[in-house]
Amino acid sequence: MRVLIVKISALGDVVHALPVLAYLKEAHPEIKIDWLVEEGFAPLIEGHPMLRRVYRLGLKRWRREGWRSVLAGVKSTVHELRNERYDMVLDLQGNCKSGLFTLLCGAPRRYGFSFSGVREWPNLLATNRRVVLTAADHHISDRSLAVAREAFPVGNARSAAGPLHVTPQARTAVEKQLGSFNMNGPSLVVLQYGTTWETKLWPLDSWQRLARTLCTEDNLRPVLIWGNEAERDAAEAIYRATDGQAVIWPRGTLQELAALLERADLVIGGDTGPIHIAAALDTPTVSIFRVTDGSRNGPRGPLHIRLQSPLECSPCLQKSCPRDAECGHSITVNQVLDATRKQLKRQGQQ
């Protein structure tokens, strides 16, 4: 049995789909699973012990290069997929671009979401087995599992997150970097400021107060991670607020980020990839949700604390809002600090 998973982006969504791997392997141990993903996220799942192959899709790069590159890239990818003669495809994305490859890969059984579950309705033209989601499939990982269950009803595995693998090379690189910062102590707390939406951000001044308090009252040296120049600027502002006691982590590979998050005792951040990666690696988290629904997108289980904005309009899914500042500060520094201390105390580190 050969199965292709189509989950192309974004980083957090790819991580949310990982429980499907354990489900499929438990339901059909001999199954061969391949995954089609945007090339920027591929290093996170390449080498995964439950995957046979990962296809790198260069859609973003092809678009920058022009329409000829798009056509050539799509044609080449479809040719590779059709050569594998898949028995089925699970489209866990539900939009037009995933539908294109789902339809053209040649698999006779093409599973995806029904009208209420797809992100873009033309995706319905690509699938011939459409799964109707129920209230029990509220969490985003359970949406993907619902598709897998429809394809393989005999499975029982239902993990809340992951599994995700980390390479030994990445672990070694992180330990070496921690040593260079003289951070071989027992408590490693990672702060992730950035998110993809402005309305998901926790305010910079709140991050500064949190980091400063962790340094002065809790004797910690929080590690600040970042993914682009704007996030780097924010990390530097937080670093200055701690009088240089925090650590700005150098940007490395995606596997090295995973290794750092695996090594951490606690990761604090919003609804963004690193929080979900940490959860997939069983690292405790404190996560902050404003416009998105923490019960739908957030880490689950006793290792995790989710904080949701108390405003009556949250979650609203708005990417801009006149109440943005009010919403951001509706989750207070003391709330995040209390959750942080509770998590560290639970681990016997305070």
Protein backbone atom coordinates (compact mmCIF):
# COMPACT_ATOMS: atom_id res chain seq x y z
CA MET A 1 0.00 0.00 0.00
CA ARG A 2 1.43 3.34 -1.08
CA VAL A 3 -0.03 6.54 0.32
CA LEU A 4 0.80 10.14 -0.47
CA ILE A 5 0.12 12.86 2.10
CA VAL A 6 -0.40 16.32 0.63
CA LYS A 7 0.20 18.92 3.34
CA ILE A 8 2.26 21.65 1.76
CA SER A 9 2.31 24.50 4.28
CA ALA A 10 2.51 26.33 6.63
CA LEU A 11 5.07 25.21 9.20
CA GLY A 12 2.63 24.90 12.10
CA ASP A 13 0.04 23.18 9.95
CA VAL A 14 2.58 20.62 8.75
CA VAL A 15 3.44 19.87 12.38
CA HIS A 16 -0.25 19.59 13.26
CA ALA A 17 -0.65 16.86 10.62
CA LEU A 18 2.10 14.62 12.05
CA PRO A 19 -0.25 12.47 14.22
CA VAL A 20 -1.55 11.02 10.94
CA LEU A 21 1.76 9.17 10.52
CA ALA A 22 1.42 7.24 13.77
CA TYR A 23 -2.21 6.50 12.99
CA LEU A 24 -1.47 5.09 9.54
CA LYS A 25 1.48 3.01 10.75
CA GLU A 26 -0.60 1.54 13.56
CA ALA A 27 -3.48 0.79 11.22
CA HIS A 28 -1.31 -0.68 8.47
CA PRO A 29 2.29 -1.40 9.62
CA GLU A 30 3.48 -2.25 6.11
CA ILE A 31 2.21 0.96 4.59
CA LYS A 32 4.62 3.16 2.61
CA ILE A 33 4.01 6.84 3.24
CA ASP A 34 5.35 9.76 1.20
CA TRP A 35 4.73 13.48 1.86
CA LEU A 36 4.48 16.47 -0.50
CA VAL A 37 5.57 19.69 1.25
CA GLU A 38 6.91 23.16 0.45
CA GLU A 39 10.68 22.90 0.23
CA GLY A 40 11.28 25.38 3.05
CA PHE A 41 9.59 23.05 5.54
CA ALA A 42 10.95 19.78 4.15
CA PRO A 43 14.02 19.56 6.47
CA LEU A 44 11.68 19.20 9.43
CA ILE A 45 10.26 15.89 8.18
CA GLU A 46 13.02 14.55 5.93
CA GLY A 47 14.51 11.45 7.52
CA HIS A 48 11.38 10.87 9.61
CA PRO A 49 11.37 7.14 10.45
CA MET A 50 7.70 6.79 9.46
CA LEU A 51 8.18 8.32 6.01
CA ARG A 52 9.63 6.66 2.95
CA ARG A 53 10.11 9.84 0.93
CA VAL A 54 9.54 13.59 1.11
CA TYR A 55 8.84 15.57 -2.06
CA ARG A 56 10.16 19.12 -1.99
CA LEU A 57 7.73 21.50 -3.68
CA GLY A 58 9.33 24.80 -4.78
CA LEU A 59 6.15 26.78 -5.46
CA LYS A 60 7.33 29.99 -3.77
CA ARG A 61 10.68 29.88 -5.57
CA TRP A 62 9.08 29.03 -8.89
CA ARG A 63 6.73 32.00 -8.61
CA ARG A 64 9.67 34.34 -8.05
CA GLU A 65 11.39 32.90 -11.12
CA GLY A 66 8.34 33.34 -13.37
CA TRP A 67 5.51 31.38 -14.88
CA ARG A 68 7.79 29.16 -16.98
CA SER A 69 9.43 27.89 -13.79
CA VAL A 70 6.01 27.29 -12.26
CA LEU A 71 4.90 25.20 -15.22
CA ALA A 72 8.17 23.27 -15.38
CA GLY A 73 8.18 22.62 -11.64
CA VAL A 74 4.59 21.47 -11.52
CA LYS A 75 5.05 19.23 -14.56
CA SER A 76 8.19 17.64 -13.11
CA THR A 77 6.56 17.05 -9.72
CA VAL A 78 3.43 15.54 -11.23
CA HIS A 79 5.60 13.25 -13.39
CA GLU A 80 7.45 12.01 -10.29
CA LEU A 81 4.22 11.45 -8.38
CA ARG A 82 2.54 9.52 -11.18
CA ASN A 83 5.55 7.23 -11.51
CA GLU A 84 4.96 6.05 -7.93
CA ARG A 85 1.47 4.75 -8.76
CA TYR A 86 -0.01 5.61 -5.37
CA ASP A 87 -2.98 3.63 -4.11
CA MET A 88 -4.40 6.69 -2.38
CA VAL A 89 -3.71 10.29 -1.51
CA LEU A 90 -4.73 12.15 1.65
CA ASP A 91 -5.20 15.85 0.92
CA LEU A 92 -4.87 17.42 4.37
CA GLN A 93 -4.53 20.98 3.02
CA GLY A 94 -7.86 21.53 1.30
CA ASN A 95 -6.97 24.38 -1.03
CA CYS A 96 -6.38 24.88 -4.76
CA LYS A 97 -2.67 24.14 -4.85
CA SER A 98 -2.99 20.93 -2.85
CA GLY A 99 -5.93 19.94 -5.01
CA LEU A 100 -3.84 20.33 -8.16
CA PHE A 101 -1.34 17.68 -7.04
CA THR A 102 -4.02 15.50 -5.45
CA LEU A 103 -5.90 15.35 -8.74
CA LEU A 104 -2.89 14.86 -11.00
CA CYS A 105 -0.89 12.36 -8.91
CA GLY A 106 -2.86 9.50 -10.45
CA ALA A 107 -4.07 7.86 -7.22
CA PRO A 108 -7.46 6.17 -7.70
CA ARG A 109 -8.64 7.00 -4.16
CA ARG A 110 -8.30 10.68 -3.26
CA TYR A 111 -9.39 11.61 0.26
CA GLY A 112 -10.00 15.15 1.44
CA PHE A 113 -12.44 17.39 3.27
CA SER A 114 -16.07 18.01 2.38
CA PHE A 115 -17.36 21.50 1.52
CA SER A 116 -17.47 22.64 5.15
CA GLY A 117 -13.86 21.62 5.74
CA VAL A 118 -11.98 22.83 2.65
CA ARG A 119 -10.23 26.19 2.60
CA GLU A 120 -10.98 26.77 -1.09
CA TRP A 121 -13.96 25.10 -2.77
CA PRO A 122 -12.18 24.12 -6.04
CA ASN A 123 -10.31 21.56 -3.93
CA LEU A 124 -13.53 19.53 -4.01
CA LEU A 125 -12.93 18.88 -7.71
CA ALA A 126 -9.71 17.02 -6.85
CA THR A 127 -11.04 14.50 -4.32
CA ASN A 128 -13.46 11.58 -4.71
CA ARG A 129 -13.67 10.62 -1.00
CA ARG A 130 -14.80 13.63 1.05
CA VAL A 131 -14.84 13.56 4.84
CA VAL A 132 -17.52 15.43 6.79
CA LEU A 133 -15.99 16.86 9.95
CA THR A 134 -17.90 16.75 13.23
CA ALA A 135 -17.68 18.64 16.51
CA ALA A 136 -15.30 15.93 17.74
CA ASP A 137 -12.82 17.03 15.06
CA HIS A 138 -12.50 20.56 16.45
CA HIS A 139 -8.72 20.52 16.94
CA ILE A 140 -6.74 21.00 13.75
CA SER A 141 -4.83 17.75 14.26
CA ASP A 142 -8.10 15.86 14.66
CA ARG A 143 -9.27 17.25 11.30
CA SER A 144 -6.35 15.50 9.62
CA LEU A 145 -6.91 12.35 11.66
CA ALA A 146 -10.55 12.30 10.51
CA VAL A 147 -9.35 11.98 6.91
CA ALA A 148 -6.94 9.20 7.87
CA ARG A 149 -9.69 7.34 9.77
CA GLU A 150 -11.96 7.46 6.75
CA ALA A 151 -9.23 5.88 4.65
CA PHE A 152 -8.20 3.32 7.31
CA PRO A 153 -11.09 2.74 9.78
CA VAL A 154 -9.20 0.00 11.66
CA GLY A 155 -6.65 2.34 13.31
CA ASN A 156 -6.68 3.27 16.98
CA ALA A 157 -3.64 5.54 17.50
CA ARG A 158 -4.68 9.06 18.43
CA SER A 159 -1.68 11.05 19.61
CA ALA A 160 -2.20 14.72 20.50
CA ALA A 161 0.94 15.83 18.66
CA GLY A 162 3.94 14.50 16.75
CA PRO A 163 5.90 12.31 16.48
CA LEU A 164 8.74 14.48 15.24
CA HIS A 165 12.33 13.39 14.87
CA VAL A 166 15.53 15.36 15.54
CA THR A 167 18.83 14.43 13.95
CA PRO A 168 21.91 13.68 16.11
CA GLN A 169 23.83 16.31 14.13
CA ALA A 170 21.32 18.99 15.09
CA ARG A 171 21.45 17.98 18.75
CA THR A 172 25.24 18.20 18.71
CA ALA A 173 25.15 21.64 17.08
CA VAL A 174 22.72 22.93 19.72
CA GLU A 175 24.76 21.57 22.63
CA LYS A 176 27.85 23.22 21.18
CA GLN A 177 25.99 26.52 20.85
CA LEU A 178 24.64 26.30 24.39
CA GLY A 179 28.16 25.72 25.61
CA SER A 180 29.39 28.82 23.79
CA PHE A 181 26.78 30.83 25.74
CA ASN A 182 27.74 29.07 29.01
CA MET A 183 24.17 27.77 29.23
CA ASN A 184 24.60 24.23 30.45
CA GLY A 185 22.45 24.77 33.52
CA PRO A 186 19.24 22.90 34.33
CA SER A 187 16.68 25.51 33.15
CA LEU A 188 16.36 26.48 29.52
CA VAL A 189 13.41 28.73 28.66
CA VAL A 190 12.87 29.75 25.03
CA LEU A 191 10.83 32.81 24.04
CA GLN A 192 9.33 33.14 20.53
CA TYR A 193 8.08 36.68 19.83
CA GLY A 194 7.15 36.42 16.15
CA THR A 195 4.06 35.11 14.40
CA THR A 196 2.75 35.35 10.85
CA TRP A 197 -0.10 37.77 11.71
CA GLU A 198 0.26 41.09 13.51
CA THR A 199 -2.91 40.32 15.44
CA LYS A 200 -1.39 37.13 16.84
CA LEU A 201 1.52 39.01 18.40
CA TRP A 202 1.80 39.52 22.11
CA PRO A 203 2.95 43.16 22.58
CA LEU A 204 6.67 43.82 22.54
CA ASP A 205 6.58 45.72 25.84
CA SER A 206 4.93 42.67 27.45
CA TRP A 207 7.72 40.42 26.17
CA GLN A 208 10.28 42.89 27.51
CA ARG A 209 8.70 42.91 30.98
CA LEU A 210 8.42 39.13 31.00
CA ALA A 211 12.05 38.59 29.98
CA ARG A 212 13.33 41.21 32.43
CA THR A 213 11.38 39.61 35.31
CA LEU A 214 12.61 36.11 34.42
CA CYS A 215 16.17 37.44 34.62
CA THR A 216 15.89 39.55 37.77
CA GLU A 217 13.44 37.53 39.88
CA ASP A 218 13.81 33.99 38.58
CA ASN A 219 17.54 33.97 37.81
CA LEU A 220 16.93 32.69 34.27
CA ARG A 221 18.56 33.58 30.97
CA PRO A 222 15.74 33.32 28.45
CA VAL A 223 16.73 32.35 24.93
CA LEU A 224 15.22 34.56 22.21
CA ILE A 225 14.58 32.89 18.85
CA TRP A 226 13.66 34.66 15.63
CA GLY A 227 12.90 33.86 11.99
CA ASN A 228 13.22 37.09 10.03
CA GLU A 229 14.71 40.56 10.36
CA ALA A 230 11.62 42.06 12.01
CA GLU A 231 11.69 39.32 14.63
CA ARG A 232 15.43 39.83 15.01
CA ASP A 233 14.82 43.52 15.75
CA ALA A 234 12.22 42.56 18.35
CA ALA A 235 14.60 40.04 19.92
CA GLU A 236 17.25 42.77 20.22
CA ALA A 237 14.73 45.08 21.91
CA ILE A 238 13.85 42.33 24.40
CA TYR A 239 17.57 41.64 24.92
CA ARG A 240 18.23 45.30 25.74
CA ALA A 241 15.37 45.28 28.25
CA THR A 242 17.20 42.52 30.15
CA ASP A 243 20.45 44.50 30.21
CA GLY A 244 22.05 41.81 28.10
CA GLN A 245 21.18 38.88 30.38
CA ALA A 246 18.97 37.16 27.80
CA VAL A 247 20.47 35.33 24.83
CA ILE A 248 19.71 36.03 21.18
CA TRP A 249 19.91 32.61 19.55
CA PRO A 250 21.62 32.57 16.13
CA ARG A 251 19.34 31.47 13.33
CA GLY A 252 20.25 27.97 12.16
CA THR A 253 18.59 25.16 10.26
CA LEU A 254 15.05 23.98 10.89
CA GLN A 255 16.44 20.79 12.42
CA GLU A 256 18.62 22.84 14.77
CA LEU A 257 15.56 24.83 15.82
CA ALA A 258 13.78 21.56 16.57
CA ALA A 259 16.81 20.36 18.55
CA LEU A 260 16.80 23.55 20.64
CA LEU A 261 13.08 23.25 21.33
CA GLU A 262 13.53 19.59 22.25
CA ARG A 263 16.35 20.54 24.65
CA ALA A 264 14.32 23.35 26.25
CA ASP A 265 12.54 22.96 29.57
CA LEU A 266 9.83 25.38 28.49
CA VAL A 267 8.86 27.26 25.31
CA ILE A 268 6.71 30.42 25.46
CA GLY A 269 5.10 31.91 22.36
CA GLY A 270 2.00 32.61 20.34
CA ASP A 271 0.17 30.57 17.72
CA THR A 272 3.22 29.87 15.61
CA GLY A 273 5.43 27.07 14.29
CA PRO A 274 7.96 26.80 17.14
CA ILE A 275 5.24 26.33 19.76
CA HIS A 276 3.74 23.48 17.74
CA ILE A 277 7.17 21.94 17.10
CA ALA A 278 7.86 22.04 20.84
CA ALA A 279 4.55 20.29 21.54
CA ALA A 280 5.35 17.62 18.95
CA LEU A 281 8.62 16.98 20.82
CA ASP A 282 6.86 16.74 24.22
CA THR A 283 8.47 19.96 25.47
CA PRO A 284 6.19 21.89 27.87
CA THR A 285 4.77 25.15 26.54
CA VAL A 286 2.95 28.30 27.57
CA SER A 287 1.07 29.53 24.52
CA ILE A 288 -0.71 32.84 23.94
CA PHE A 289 -3.82 33.06 21.76
CA ARG A 290 -5.64 36.19 20.69
CA VAL A 291 -7.40 36.06 17.33
CA THR A 292 -7.06 32.30 16.90
CA ASP A 293 -8.68 29.62 19.03
CA GLY A 294 -6.29 27.94 21.44
CA SER A 295 -8.62 24.98 21.85
CA ARG A 296 -8.46 24.41 18.08
CA ASN A 297 -4.83 25.28 17.33
CA GLY A 298 -3.00 25.06 20.62
CA PRO A 299 -0.91 22.34 22.26
CA ARG A 300 -2.98 19.81 24.19
CA GLY A 301 -2.35 17.74 27.29
CA PRO A 302 -0.93 18.18 30.80
CA LEU A 303 2.43 19.50 29.58
CA HIS A 304 0.87 22.64 28.15
CA ILE A 305 -0.82 25.83 29.36
CA ARG A 306 -2.83 27.90 26.88
CA LEU A 307 -3.80 31.51 27.57
CA GLN A 308 -6.68 32.94 25.52
CA SER A 309 -7.61 36.61 25.30
CA PRO A 310 -10.66 37.26 27.53
CA LEU A 311 -12.16 39.81 25.10
CA GLU A 312 -15.68 38.85 24.06
CA CYS A 313 -14.69 38.94 20.38
CA SER A 314 -11.79 36.48 20.75
CA PRO A 315 -11.12 34.38 18.73
CA CYS A 316 -12.06 36.51 15.73
CA LEU A 317 -9.54 35.44 13.01
CA GLN A 318 -9.12 39.10 12.03
CA LYS A 319 -5.72 40.12 10.59
CA SER A 320 -6.28 43.78 11.52
CA CYS A 321 -8.40 45.30 14.25
CA PRO A 322 -8.88 48.72 15.89
CA ARG A 323 -8.78 46.92 19.28
CA ASP A 324 -5.42 45.32 18.53
CA ALA A 325 -3.54 46.98 21.41
CA GLU A 326 -6.34 46.26 23.88
CA CYS A 327 -6.49 42.64 22.76
CA GLY A 328 -2.71 42.24 23.02
CA HIS A 329 -2.58 43.54 26.57
CA SER A 330 -5.68 41.58 27.64
CA ILE A 331 -3.29 38.72 28.37
CA THR A 332 -1.15 40.18 31.13
CA VAL A 333 2.52 39.72 31.92
CA ASN A 334 1.57 38.35 35.32
CA GLN A 335 -0.59 35.67 33.70
CA VAL A 336 2.26 34.50 31.48
CA LEU A 337 4.70 34.74 34.38
CA ASP A 338 2.44 32.70 36.67
CA ALA A 339 2.04 30.04 33.97
CA THR A 340 5.80 29.98 33.41
CA ARG A 341 6.56 29.51 37.09
CA LYS A 342 3.88 26.83 37.40
CA GLN A 343 5.43 24.92 34.52
CA LEU A 344 8.96 25.16 35.90
CA LYS A 345 7.82 24.26 39.41
CA ARG A 346 6.08 21.21 38.00
CA GLN A 347 9.43 20.15 36.60
CA GLY A 348 11.10 20.76 39.95
CA GLN A 349 13.19 23.60 38.60
CA GLN A 350 12.01 26.38 40.89
